[in-house]
N, C-alpha and C. Protein backbone atom coordinates (compact mmCIF):
# COMPACT_ATOMS: atom_id res chain seq x y z
N MET A 1 -4.98 -12.12 11.00
CA MET A 1 -6.24 -11.60 10.50
C MET A 1 -6.92 -12.69 9.65
N LYS A 2 -8.26 -12.83 9.82
CA LYS A 2 -8.98 -13.90 9.16
C LYS A 2 -8.96 -13.67 7.65
N PRO A 3 -8.77 -14.77 6.86
CA PRO A 3 -8.76 -14.62 5.43
C PRO A 3 -10.02 -14.05 4.85
N ASP A 4 -11.22 -14.35 5.46
CA ASP A 4 -12.46 -13.85 4.90
C ASP A 4 -12.57 -12.35 5.11
N LEU A 5 -11.96 -11.83 6.16
CA LEU A 5 -11.97 -10.40 6.39
C LEU A 5 -11.06 -9.68 5.37
N LEU A 6 -9.91 -10.28 5.11
CA LEU A 6 -9.00 -9.72 4.07
C LEU A 6 -9.70 -9.76 2.71
N ASN A 7 -10.38 -10.80 2.40
CA ASN A 7 -11.12 -10.87 1.13
C ASN A 7 -12.16 -9.79 1.04
N ALA A 8 -12.85 -9.56 2.13
CA ALA A 8 -13.88 -8.47 2.14
C ALA A 8 -13.23 -7.11 1.98
N LEU A 9 -12.09 -6.92 2.62
CA LEU A 9 -11.37 -5.62 2.52
C LEU A 9 -10.90 -5.36 1.12
N LEU A 10 -10.62 -6.42 0.35
CA LEU A 10 -10.23 -6.22 -1.05
C LEU A 10 -11.26 -5.55 -1.85
N HIS A 11 -12.50 -5.52 -1.38
CA HIS A 11 -13.61 -4.87 -2.13
C HIS A 11 -13.79 -3.42 -1.66
N VAL A 12 -12.99 -2.96 -0.73
CA VAL A 12 -13.06 -1.57 -0.20
C VAL A 12 -12.10 -0.67 -0.93
N GLU A 13 -12.57 0.46 -1.35
CA GLU A 13 -11.68 1.48 -1.97
C GLU A 13 -11.04 2.33 -0.90
N THR A 14 -9.78 2.70 -1.10
CA THR A 14 -9.13 3.61 -0.16
C THR A 14 -9.91 4.91 -0.05
N ALA A 15 -10.48 5.36 -1.17
CA ALA A 15 -11.23 6.64 -1.16
C ALA A 15 -12.49 6.55 -0.31
N THR A 16 -13.07 5.30 -0.18
CA THR A 16 -14.24 5.13 0.71
C THR A 16 -13.75 5.31 2.15
N LEU A 17 -12.62 4.74 2.50
CA LEU A 17 -12.07 4.95 3.85
C LEU A 17 -11.83 6.44 4.08
N GLY A 18 -11.46 7.15 3.00
CA GLY A 18 -11.22 8.59 3.14
C GLY A 18 -12.45 9.36 3.49
N HIS A 19 -13.63 8.85 3.26
CA HIS A 19 -14.88 9.47 3.71
C HIS A 19 -15.10 9.24 5.19
N MET A 20 -14.42 8.27 5.77
CA MET A 20 -14.74 7.80 7.13
C MET A 20 -13.73 8.21 8.15
N ILE A 21 -12.46 8.15 7.79
CA ILE A 21 -11.38 8.40 8.76
C ILE A 21 -10.37 9.41 8.14
N THR A 22 -9.51 9.95 8.99
CA THR A 22 -8.57 10.95 8.50
C THR A 22 -7.10 10.54 8.67
N GLU A 23 -6.88 9.53 9.52
CA GLU A 23 -5.50 9.13 9.80
C GLU A 23 -5.17 7.89 9.00
N GLY A 24 -3.87 7.64 8.80
CA GLY A 24 -3.37 6.40 8.17
C GLY A 24 -3.21 6.45 6.68
N PHE A 25 -3.39 7.62 6.06
CA PHE A 25 -3.24 7.74 4.62
C PHE A 25 -1.90 8.31 4.21
N MET A 26 -1.24 7.65 3.25
CA MET A 26 0.01 8.21 2.70
C MET A 26 -0.37 9.33 1.74
N THR A 27 0.65 10.14 1.41
CA THR A 27 0.39 11.34 0.62
C THR A 27 0.10 10.94 -0.83
N PRO A 28 -0.51 11.86 -1.59
CA PRO A 28 -0.78 11.60 -3.00
C PRO A 28 0.44 11.29 -3.84
N ALA A 29 1.64 11.64 -3.33
CA ALA A 29 2.87 11.30 -4.08
C ALA A 29 3.10 9.82 -4.16
N MET A 30 2.47 9.03 -3.29
CA MET A 30 2.63 7.60 -3.34
C MET A 30 1.63 7.00 -4.34
N GLN A 31 2.12 6.61 -5.51
CA GLN A 31 1.27 6.13 -6.57
C GLN A 31 1.74 4.74 -7.05
N CYS A 32 0.79 3.98 -7.58
CA CYS A 32 1.13 2.67 -8.08
C CYS A 32 1.92 2.82 -9.40
N ALA A 33 3.13 2.28 -9.43
CA ALA A 33 3.97 2.40 -10.60
C ALA A 33 3.72 1.33 -11.62
N THR A 34 2.87 0.35 -11.28
CA THR A 34 2.60 -0.74 -12.16
C THR A 34 1.13 -0.72 -12.55
N ALA A 35 0.55 -1.79 -12.98
CA ALA A 35 -0.82 -1.86 -13.31
C ALA A 35 -1.71 -1.56 -12.12
N SER A 36 -2.89 -1.02 -12.36
CA SER A 36 -3.77 -0.65 -11.27
C SER A 36 -4.33 -1.87 -10.63
N HIS A 37 -3.85 -2.17 -9.42
CA HIS A 37 -4.28 -3.27 -8.62
C HIS A 37 -5.01 -2.72 -7.37
N ARG A 38 -5.72 -3.55 -6.70
CA ARG A 38 -6.08 -3.31 -5.29
C ARG A 38 -5.52 -4.46 -4.50
N CYS A 39 -4.68 -4.11 -3.52
CA CYS A 39 -4.02 -5.11 -2.72
C CYS A 39 -4.23 -4.82 -1.23
N CYS A 40 -4.32 -5.85 -0.43
CA CYS A 40 -4.31 -5.61 1.01
C CYS A 40 -3.67 -6.82 1.68
N GLY A 41 -3.06 -6.55 2.84
CA GLY A 41 -2.40 -7.63 3.56
C GLY A 41 -1.69 -7.05 4.77
N PRO A 42 -1.20 -7.90 5.63
CA PRO A 42 -0.47 -7.46 6.80
C PRO A 42 0.91 -6.91 6.42
N ALA A 43 1.32 -5.89 7.10
CA ALA A 43 2.58 -5.23 6.80
C ALA A 43 3.77 -6.02 7.32
N LEU A 44 4.71 -6.26 6.42
CA LEU A 44 6.06 -6.73 6.76
C LEU A 44 6.96 -5.53 6.61
N THR A 45 7.51 -5.02 7.67
CA THR A 45 8.16 -3.71 7.63
C THR A 45 9.67 -3.83 7.52
N VAL A 46 10.26 -2.88 6.78
CA VAL A 46 11.73 -2.81 6.62
C VAL A 46 12.11 -1.32 6.70
N SER A 47 13.23 -1.06 7.34
CA SER A 47 13.79 0.28 7.40
C SER A 47 15.16 0.27 6.73
N LEU A 48 15.34 1.19 5.76
CA LEU A 48 16.60 1.22 5.01
C LEU A 48 17.22 2.61 5.09
N PRO A 49 18.41 2.74 5.57
CA PRO A 49 19.10 4.06 5.60
C PRO A 49 19.87 4.34 4.35
N GLY A 50 19.72 5.56 3.79
CA GLY A 50 20.55 6.01 2.70
C GLY A 50 20.65 5.06 1.52
N ASP A 51 21.89 4.72 1.17
CA ASP A 51 22.10 3.85 0.02
C ASP A 51 22.26 2.37 0.42
N ASP A 52 21.76 2.03 1.59
CA ASP A 52 21.93 0.69 2.17
C ASP A 52 20.70 -0.17 1.94
N GLY A 53 20.78 -1.17 1.15
CA GLY A 53 19.68 -2.09 0.92
C GLY A 53 19.85 -3.44 1.62
N HIS A 54 20.77 -3.52 2.59
CA HIS A 54 21.16 -4.77 3.22
C HIS A 54 19.95 -5.55 3.73
N SER A 55 19.02 -4.91 4.36
CA SER A 55 17.93 -5.60 5.08
C SER A 55 16.81 -6.15 4.22
N LEU A 56 16.79 -5.77 2.91
CA LEU A 56 15.69 -6.23 2.10
C LEU A 56 15.72 -7.76 1.90
N PRO A 57 16.82 -8.38 1.53
CA PRO A 57 16.83 -9.82 1.43
C PRO A 57 16.50 -10.51 2.76
N LEU A 58 16.93 -9.91 3.85
CA LEU A 58 16.65 -10.51 5.16
C LEU A 58 15.13 -10.48 5.44
N ALA A 59 14.48 -9.40 5.02
CA ALA A 59 13.02 -9.28 5.22
C ALA A 59 12.27 -10.40 4.46
N LEU A 60 12.72 -10.72 3.30
CA LEU A 60 12.05 -11.76 2.52
C LEU A 60 12.12 -13.10 3.15
N LEU A 61 13.11 -13.33 4.02
CA LEU A 61 13.20 -14.59 4.76
C LEU A 61 12.06 -14.72 5.76
N LYS A 62 11.49 -13.61 6.21
CA LYS A 62 10.41 -13.59 7.18
C LYS A 62 9.03 -13.48 6.50
N ALA A 63 9.00 -13.39 5.21
CA ALA A 63 7.73 -13.09 4.50
C ALA A 63 6.82 -14.30 4.60
N ARG A 64 5.50 -13.99 4.72
CA ARG A 64 4.44 -15.00 4.65
C ARG A 64 3.62 -14.68 3.43
N PRO A 65 3.05 -15.66 2.78
CA PRO A 65 2.25 -15.36 1.57
C PRO A 65 1.13 -14.36 1.88
N GLY A 66 1.06 -13.35 1.05
CA GLY A 66 0.06 -12.30 1.23
C GLY A 66 0.54 -11.07 1.95
N ASP A 67 1.75 -11.11 2.52
CA ASP A 67 2.29 -9.91 3.17
C ASP A 67 2.45 -8.76 2.19
N VAL A 68 2.30 -7.55 2.73
CA VAL A 68 2.63 -6.33 1.95
C VAL A 68 3.93 -5.80 2.54
N LEU A 69 4.95 -5.73 1.73
CA LEU A 69 6.28 -5.27 2.15
C LEU A 69 6.25 -3.76 2.20
N VAL A 70 6.46 -3.18 3.36
CA VAL A 70 6.46 -1.73 3.58
C VAL A 70 7.87 -1.29 3.90
N ILE A 71 8.42 -0.41 3.08
CA ILE A 71 9.84 -0.02 3.17
C ILE A 71 9.95 1.45 3.54
N GLU A 72 10.54 1.72 4.70
CA GLU A 72 10.78 3.08 5.15
C GLU A 72 12.19 3.48 4.65
N ARG A 73 12.24 4.59 3.92
CA ARG A 73 13.51 5.03 3.32
C ARG A 73 14.19 6.13 4.14
N LEU A 74 13.63 6.42 5.31
CA LEU A 74 14.26 7.39 6.18
C LEU A 74 14.49 8.72 5.48
N ASP A 75 15.75 9.18 5.46
CA ASP A 75 16.02 10.50 4.90
C ASP A 75 16.52 10.47 3.41
N ASP A 76 16.45 9.30 2.81
CA ASP A 76 16.95 9.17 1.44
C ASP A 76 15.93 9.63 0.42
N ASP A 77 16.35 10.50 -0.48
CA ASP A 77 15.43 10.93 -1.52
C ASP A 77 16.09 10.83 -2.94
N ARG A 78 17.00 9.87 -3.08
CA ARG A 78 17.73 9.74 -4.36
C ARG A 78 17.82 8.30 -4.84
N HIS A 79 18.06 7.32 -3.94
CA HIS A 79 18.45 5.99 -4.34
C HIS A 79 17.24 5.07 -4.56
N ALA A 80 17.25 4.29 -5.60
CA ALA A 80 16.28 3.25 -5.82
C ALA A 80 16.71 2.01 -5.06
N CYS A 81 15.81 1.51 -4.18
CA CYS A 81 16.14 0.27 -3.42
C CYS A 81 15.45 -0.93 -4.01
N TRP A 82 14.64 -0.73 -5.05
CA TRP A 82 13.82 -1.84 -5.54
C TRP A 82 13.96 -1.94 -7.04
N GLY A 83 14.14 -3.16 -7.54
CA GLY A 83 14.27 -3.35 -8.99
C GLY A 83 13.88 -4.75 -9.41
N ALA A 84 14.40 -5.22 -10.50
CA ALA A 84 13.99 -6.50 -11.09
C ALA A 84 14.33 -7.73 -10.22
N VAL A 85 15.50 -7.73 -9.64
CA VAL A 85 15.92 -8.92 -8.87
C VAL A 85 15.08 -9.02 -7.58
N MET A 86 14.88 -7.87 -6.90
CA MET A 86 14.05 -7.87 -5.66
C MET A 86 12.65 -8.28 -6.01
N THR A 87 12.14 -7.86 -7.16
CA THR A 87 10.78 -8.24 -7.54
C THR A 87 10.61 -9.74 -7.70
N GLU A 88 11.54 -10.38 -8.35
CA GLU A 88 11.45 -11.82 -8.51
C GLU A 88 11.55 -12.53 -7.17
N ALA A 89 12.43 -12.03 -6.33
CA ALA A 89 12.58 -12.64 -5.00
C ALA A 89 11.34 -12.46 -4.15
N ALA A 90 10.70 -11.31 -4.26
CA ALA A 90 9.48 -11.05 -3.50
C ALA A 90 8.32 -11.90 -3.99
N LEU A 91 8.18 -12.05 -5.29
CA LEU A 91 7.14 -12.95 -5.83
C LEU A 91 7.36 -14.39 -5.36
N LYS A 92 8.58 -14.82 -5.33
CA LYS A 92 8.90 -16.20 -4.89
C LYS A 92 8.54 -16.36 -3.40
N ALA A 93 8.72 -15.26 -2.64
CA ALA A 93 8.41 -15.33 -1.18
C ALA A 93 6.93 -15.19 -0.89
N GLY A 94 6.09 -14.83 -1.89
CA GLY A 94 4.69 -14.69 -1.69
C GLY A 94 4.22 -13.29 -1.33
N ILE A 95 5.09 -12.31 -1.49
CA ILE A 95 4.72 -10.95 -1.20
C ILE A 95 3.64 -10.48 -2.21
N SER A 96 2.57 -9.86 -1.71
CA SER A 96 1.45 -9.49 -2.57
C SER A 96 1.61 -8.09 -3.14
N ALA A 97 2.36 -7.20 -2.47
CA ALA A 97 2.59 -5.84 -2.97
C ALA A 97 3.76 -5.24 -2.19
N VAL A 98 4.28 -4.16 -2.72
CA VAL A 98 5.38 -3.42 -2.08
C VAL A 98 4.97 -1.97 -2.01
N VAL A 99 5.23 -1.36 -0.86
CA VAL A 99 4.98 0.06 -0.65
C VAL A 99 6.28 0.65 -0.10
N LEU A 100 6.84 1.65 -0.76
CA LEU A 100 8.04 2.30 -0.27
C LEU A 100 8.01 3.81 -0.52
N ASP A 101 8.40 4.56 0.48
CA ASP A 101 8.38 6.04 0.30
C ASP A 101 9.70 6.53 -0.30
N GLY A 102 10.04 5.93 -1.43
CA GLY A 102 11.25 6.29 -2.13
C GLY A 102 11.09 5.86 -3.62
N TYR A 103 12.18 5.36 -4.18
CA TYR A 103 12.24 5.20 -5.62
C TYR A 103 12.57 3.76 -6.02
N ILE A 104 12.19 3.48 -7.28
CA ILE A 104 12.44 2.14 -7.84
C ILE A 104 13.25 2.31 -9.13
N THR A 105 13.76 1.21 -9.62
CA THR A 105 14.38 1.16 -10.93
C THR A 105 13.86 -0.09 -11.65
N ASP A 106 14.22 -0.27 -12.91
CA ASP A 106 13.77 -1.43 -13.69
C ASP A 106 12.25 -1.52 -13.81
N ILE A 107 11.61 -0.43 -14.03
CA ILE A 107 10.13 -0.43 -13.98
C ILE A 107 9.52 -1.38 -15.03
N GLY A 108 10.18 -1.48 -16.19
CA GLY A 108 9.64 -2.39 -17.22
C GLY A 108 9.63 -3.81 -16.75
N ALA A 109 10.69 -4.24 -16.10
CA ALA A 109 10.76 -5.61 -15.58
C ALA A 109 9.75 -5.82 -14.48
N ILE A 110 9.58 -4.83 -13.62
CA ILE A 110 8.63 -4.96 -12.52
C ILE A 110 7.23 -5.08 -13.06
N ARG A 111 6.87 -4.27 -14.08
CA ARG A 111 5.55 -4.36 -14.69
C ARG A 111 5.33 -5.73 -15.37
N ALA A 112 6.36 -6.19 -16.04
CA ALA A 112 6.27 -7.48 -16.72
C ALA A 112 6.07 -8.63 -15.72
N ALA A 113 6.71 -8.47 -14.53
CA ALA A 113 6.58 -9.54 -13.53
C ALA A 113 5.18 -9.55 -12.87
N GLY A 114 4.49 -8.40 -12.88
CA GLY A 114 3.16 -8.37 -12.35
C GLY A 114 3.04 -8.01 -10.83
N LEU A 115 4.11 -7.60 -10.24
CA LEU A 115 4.06 -7.22 -8.83
C LEU A 115 3.62 -5.77 -8.69
N ALA A 116 2.61 -5.52 -7.84
CA ALA A 116 2.16 -4.17 -7.62
C ALA A 116 3.10 -3.42 -6.68
N VAL A 117 3.57 -2.24 -7.10
CA VAL A 117 4.49 -1.45 -6.30
C VAL A 117 3.99 -0.02 -6.23
N TRP A 118 3.87 0.48 -4.98
CA TRP A 118 3.56 1.89 -4.78
C TRP A 118 4.81 2.58 -4.31
N CYS A 119 5.14 3.72 -4.95
CA CYS A 119 6.38 4.42 -4.63
C CYS A 119 6.23 5.88 -4.99
N LYS A 120 7.34 6.63 -4.93
CA LYS A 120 7.33 8.03 -5.26
C LYS A 120 7.88 8.38 -6.63
N GLY A 121 8.46 7.33 -7.28
CA GLY A 121 9.00 7.57 -8.62
C GLY A 121 10.14 6.66 -8.93
N ARG A 122 10.91 7.06 -9.92
CA ARG A 122 11.99 6.21 -10.41
C ARG A 122 13.34 6.91 -10.31
N SER A 123 14.40 6.09 -10.19
CA SER A 123 15.75 6.63 -10.15
C SER A 123 16.72 5.61 -10.68
N PRO A 124 17.73 6.05 -11.42
CA PRO A 124 18.78 5.13 -11.89
C PRO A 124 19.87 4.94 -10.85
N LEU A 125 19.90 5.73 -9.80
CA LEU A 125 20.90 5.63 -8.73
C LEU A 125 20.37 4.62 -7.71
N THR A 126 21.11 3.53 -7.51
CA THR A 126 20.63 2.47 -6.68
C THR A 126 21.39 2.31 -5.35
N THR A 127 20.78 1.53 -4.43
CA THR A 127 21.43 1.21 -3.20
C THR A 127 22.65 0.28 -3.53
N LYS A 128 23.56 0.20 -2.59
CA LYS A 128 24.84 -0.46 -2.82
C LYS A 128 24.97 -1.72 -1.97
N ALA A 129 25.81 -2.68 -2.51
CA ALA A 129 26.15 -3.88 -1.74
C ALA A 129 27.23 -3.51 -0.74
N GLY A 130 27.47 -4.46 0.17
CA GLY A 130 28.55 -4.30 1.19
C GLY A 130 28.16 -3.48 2.37
N LYS A 131 26.88 -3.18 2.55
CA LYS A 131 26.38 -2.47 3.72
C LYS A 131 25.88 -3.45 4.73
N ASN A 132 25.48 -2.95 5.95
CA ASN A 132 24.98 -3.87 6.98
C ASN A 132 23.93 -3.19 7.88
N GLY A 133 23.24 -2.15 7.39
CA GLY A 133 22.32 -1.43 8.25
C GLY A 133 20.87 -1.80 7.96
N GLY A 134 20.03 -1.05 8.62
CA GLY A 134 18.58 -1.28 8.44
C GLY A 134 18.02 -2.22 9.50
N SER A 135 16.68 -2.42 9.44
CA SER A 135 16.03 -3.29 10.37
C SER A 135 14.83 -3.96 9.71
N VAL A 136 14.37 -5.03 10.27
CA VAL A 136 13.23 -5.80 9.75
C VAL A 136 12.20 -6.01 10.87
N ASN A 137 10.95 -5.88 10.51
CA ASN A 137 9.83 -6.13 11.44
C ASN A 137 9.91 -5.28 12.71
N SER A 138 10.23 -4.02 12.55
CA SER A 138 10.14 -3.04 13.61
C SER A 138 9.17 -1.94 13.18
N PRO A 139 8.62 -1.18 14.12
CA PRO A 139 7.77 -0.09 13.68
C PRO A 139 8.52 0.89 12.77
N VAL A 140 7.83 1.37 11.74
CA VAL A 140 8.42 2.31 10.79
C VAL A 140 7.48 3.50 10.58
N VAL A 141 8.02 4.49 9.90
CA VAL A 141 7.22 5.61 9.47
C VAL A 141 7.42 5.71 7.96
N CYS A 142 6.40 5.30 7.19
CA CYS A 142 6.49 5.33 5.74
C CYS A 142 5.63 6.41 5.22
N ASP A 143 6.24 7.41 4.60
CA ASP A 143 5.55 8.56 4.03
C ASP A 143 4.65 9.22 5.07
N GLY A 144 5.15 9.35 6.28
CA GLY A 144 4.49 10.01 7.35
C GLY A 144 3.51 9.17 8.15
N VAL A 145 3.26 7.91 7.76
CA VAL A 145 2.31 7.06 8.48
C VAL A 145 3.08 6.09 9.35
N HIS A 146 2.71 6.07 10.65
CA HIS A 146 3.30 5.11 11.57
C HIS A 146 2.72 3.73 11.33
N ILE A 147 3.58 2.72 11.15
CA ILE A 147 3.11 1.39 10.79
C ILE A 147 3.86 0.38 11.67
N LYS A 148 3.08 -0.49 12.29
CA LYS A 148 3.64 -1.61 13.05
C LYS A 148 3.54 -2.88 12.22
N PRO A 149 4.44 -3.82 12.40
CA PRO A 149 4.31 -5.11 11.75
C PRO A 149 2.93 -5.71 12.02
N GLY A 150 2.27 -6.16 10.96
CA GLY A 150 0.94 -6.73 11.12
C GLY A 150 -0.19 -5.78 10.90
N ASP A 151 0.08 -4.46 10.88
CA ASP A 151 -0.96 -3.50 10.52
C ASP A 151 -1.45 -3.87 9.08
N ILE A 152 -2.67 -3.47 8.79
CA ILE A 152 -3.26 -3.86 7.51
C ILE A 152 -3.06 -2.72 6.53
N VAL A 153 -2.45 -3.04 5.37
CA VAL A 153 -2.17 -2.10 4.33
C VAL A 153 -3.19 -2.33 3.19
N LEU A 154 -3.90 -1.27 2.81
CA LEU A 154 -4.80 -1.34 1.64
C LEU A 154 -4.32 -0.30 0.62
N ALA A 155 -4.09 -0.76 -0.59
CA ALA A 155 -3.54 0.13 -1.65
C ALA A 155 -4.30 -0.12 -2.93
N ASP A 156 -4.60 0.97 -3.64
CA ASP A 156 -5.27 0.88 -4.92
C ASP A 156 -4.93 2.03 -5.81
N GLU A 157 -5.73 2.24 -6.85
CA GLU A 157 -5.42 3.32 -7.81
C GLU A 157 -5.47 4.72 -7.20
N ASN A 158 -6.08 4.85 -6.05
CA ASN A 158 -6.19 6.15 -5.40
C ASN A 158 -5.10 6.42 -4.39
N GLY A 159 -4.39 5.38 -3.92
CA GLY A 159 -3.35 5.58 -2.96
C GLY A 159 -3.24 4.47 -1.93
N VAL A 160 -2.67 4.80 -0.78
CA VAL A 160 -2.34 3.78 0.24
C VAL A 160 -2.91 4.20 1.56
N ALA A 161 -3.57 3.25 2.26
CA ALA A 161 -4.10 3.49 3.57
C ALA A 161 -3.64 2.36 4.49
N VAL A 162 -3.45 2.68 5.77
CA VAL A 162 -3.02 1.72 6.76
C VAL A 162 -3.99 1.75 7.90
N ILE A 163 -4.51 0.57 8.32
CA ILE A 163 -5.41 0.53 9.45
C ILE A 163 -4.97 -0.54 10.43
N ALA A 164 -5.31 -0.32 11.69
CA ALA A 164 -4.95 -1.26 12.75
C ALA A 164 -5.86 -2.51 12.60
N PRO A 165 -5.33 -3.71 12.87
CA PRO A 165 -6.11 -4.93 12.70
C PRO A 165 -7.39 -4.89 13.48
N GLN A 166 -7.38 -4.32 14.69
CA GLN A 166 -8.58 -4.31 15.52
C GLN A 166 -9.69 -3.43 14.97
N ASP A 167 -9.34 -2.52 14.05
CA ASP A 167 -10.35 -1.63 13.46
C ASP A 167 -10.87 -2.16 12.10
N ALA A 168 -10.20 -3.18 11.55
CA ALA A 168 -10.45 -3.59 10.18
C ALA A 168 -11.91 -4.05 9.96
N GLU A 169 -12.44 -4.84 10.87
CA GLU A 169 -13.77 -5.41 10.63
C GLU A 169 -14.86 -4.33 10.58
N ALA A 170 -14.82 -3.41 11.54
CA ALA A 170 -15.82 -2.36 11.58
C ALA A 170 -15.67 -1.40 10.38
N LEU A 171 -14.48 -1.05 10.03
CA LEU A 171 -14.27 -0.17 8.88
C LEU A 171 -14.71 -0.83 7.58
N THR A 172 -14.37 -2.12 7.43
CA THR A 172 -14.76 -2.82 6.22
C THR A 172 -16.31 -2.86 6.11
N ARG A 173 -16.97 -3.18 7.17
CA ARG A 173 -18.44 -3.24 7.12
C ARG A 173 -19.03 -1.91 6.74
N GLN A 174 -18.56 -0.82 7.38
CA GLN A 174 -19.07 0.50 7.08
C GLN A 174 -18.78 0.93 5.67
N ALA A 175 -17.56 0.62 5.20
CA ALA A 175 -17.16 1.01 3.84
C ALA A 175 -17.97 0.30 2.79
N LEU A 176 -18.22 -0.92 2.98
CA LEU A 176 -19.05 -1.67 2.01
C LEU A 176 -20.49 -1.19 1.98
N GLU A 177 -20.98 -0.76 3.13
CA GLU A 177 -22.33 -0.16 3.17
C GLU A 177 -22.38 1.10 2.36
N ILE A 178 -21.35 1.94 2.50
CA ILE A 178 -21.28 3.21 1.75
C ILE A 178 -21.23 2.93 0.25
N GLN A 179 -20.35 1.94 -0.13
CA GLN A 179 -20.18 1.63 -1.53
C GLN A 179 -21.46 1.06 -2.15
N ALA A 180 -22.22 0.35 -1.34
CA ALA A 180 -23.46 -0.21 -1.86
C ALA A 180 -24.53 0.86 -2.13
N ARG A 181 -24.41 2.01 -1.43
CA ARG A 181 -25.38 3.11 -1.64
C ARG A 181 -24.99 3.95 -2.83
N GLU A 182 -23.72 3.98 -3.22
CA GLU A 182 -23.26 4.93 -4.23
C GLU A 182 -23.95 4.68 -5.61
N PRO A 183 -24.08 3.45 -6.09
CA PRO A 183 -24.78 3.30 -7.37
C PRO A 183 -26.20 3.80 -7.36
N LEU A 184 -26.87 3.67 -6.24
CA LEU A 184 -28.26 4.18 -6.12
C LEU A 184 -28.28 5.68 -6.22
N ILE A 185 -27.30 6.33 -5.60
CA ILE A 185 -27.22 7.83 -5.65
C ILE A 185 -26.91 8.24 -7.09
N ILE A 186 -26.00 7.56 -7.75
CA ILE A 186 -25.66 7.90 -9.14
C ILE A 186 -26.87 7.75 -10.05
N GLU A 187 -27.63 6.68 -9.83
CA GLU A 187 -28.84 6.47 -10.65
C GLU A 187 -29.86 7.60 -10.43
N ARG A 188 -30.00 8.06 -9.21
CA ARG A 188 -30.94 9.15 -8.94
C ARG A 188 -30.46 10.42 -9.62
N VAL A 189 -29.17 10.65 -9.64
CA VAL A 189 -28.64 11.88 -10.32
C VAL A 189 -28.93 11.78 -11.81
N ARG A 190 -28.74 10.60 -12.37
CA ARG A 190 -28.99 10.40 -13.81
C ARG A 190 -30.47 10.65 -14.15
N ARG A 191 -31.33 10.38 -13.18
CA ARG A 191 -32.76 10.58 -13.44
C ARG A 191 -33.17 12.07 -13.22
N GLY A 192 -32.19 12.89 -12.85
CA GLY A 192 -32.45 14.34 -12.73
C GLY A 192 -32.51 14.93 -11.36
N GLU A 193 -32.34 14.14 -10.33
CA GLU A 193 -32.36 14.68 -8.95
C GLU A 193 -31.02 15.40 -8.68
N SER A 194 -31.10 16.40 -7.85
CA SER A 194 -29.86 17.13 -7.49
C SER A 194 -29.26 16.47 -6.25
N LEU A 195 -27.96 16.65 -6.09
CA LEU A 195 -27.30 16.12 -4.90
C LEU A 195 -27.81 16.81 -3.67
N ALA A 196 -28.16 18.10 -3.74
CA ALA A 196 -28.70 18.80 -2.62
C ALA A 196 -29.96 18.17 -2.16
N SER A 197 -30.79 17.72 -3.14
CA SER A 197 -32.06 17.05 -2.76
C SER A 197 -31.79 15.70 -2.14
N ILE A 198 -30.86 14.96 -2.75
CA ILE A 198 -30.54 13.61 -2.23
C ILE A 198 -29.95 13.70 -0.87
N TYR A 199 -28.95 14.56 -0.67
CA TYR A 199 -28.23 14.63 0.56
C TYR A 199 -28.94 15.37 1.66
N TYR A 200 -29.61 16.45 1.30
CA TYR A 200 -30.14 17.37 2.31
C TYR A 200 -31.65 17.55 2.23
N GLY A 201 -32.30 16.92 1.27
CA GLY A 201 -33.71 17.04 1.13
C GLY A 201 -34.18 18.41 0.65
N GLN A 202 -33.30 19.07 -0.08
CA GLN A 202 -33.62 20.44 -0.57
C GLN A 202 -33.82 20.45 -2.08
C-alpha cells in the first residue's frame, strides 16, 4: 500500500467509517489500553492457542516497519499473551500497534514504552514457555473480524476497523469528505439551526 495513502488514512476516524460501512469493525470491548493514538498499517497476523505464546517471537521476525500486529486468541479468555518484553521487541521490529482479542499484562511498562495496544483487558495469568503451537501470517479471526495478512487496520480512541487494501483509497476519500463537512454542520448548529433543517430541510 502506498505510503501517501496510509498517511491520508491516518486522518480518518473509525467512527467516520462507521457512517459508511457495516463490516470489518471489532466489538466495543476492544479498547486502547494505552494513550489515545490513531494508528493504521498492514496486518501482520498471528494465531495463538490457549496458553501458548510460541508464535509471537516468530512473527516479529517477519515484521516490517509500520505493520500492525493482529493476534487471534482463539478460545482463550484468561491468559495474557502480551507484556513488557514483547512490547520492547515489537518496537525494535518497527511494529506500529498491536491488536489482540485477549488480555495483556505489564500495562504500566507498555504505557511507558509508548506502544499503542488494543485489547479486551488485563490479566496476571500469562502464556507459558515450552510450547510450539500457533501460526504466523495466515488468515485469522480477531474479535469476530476475518483478517488476511496485508489487510489495513485502522485503530483509534473509538475502536478498531479492518478494510481490504483495494477498498482503502475510495473509503479514505469519502471519509475525508464527510469529516470536512462536519465542522460546517457544527457551526450551523451553534448559530441556531436545527439538525432537522440542516439534514432534511425542515
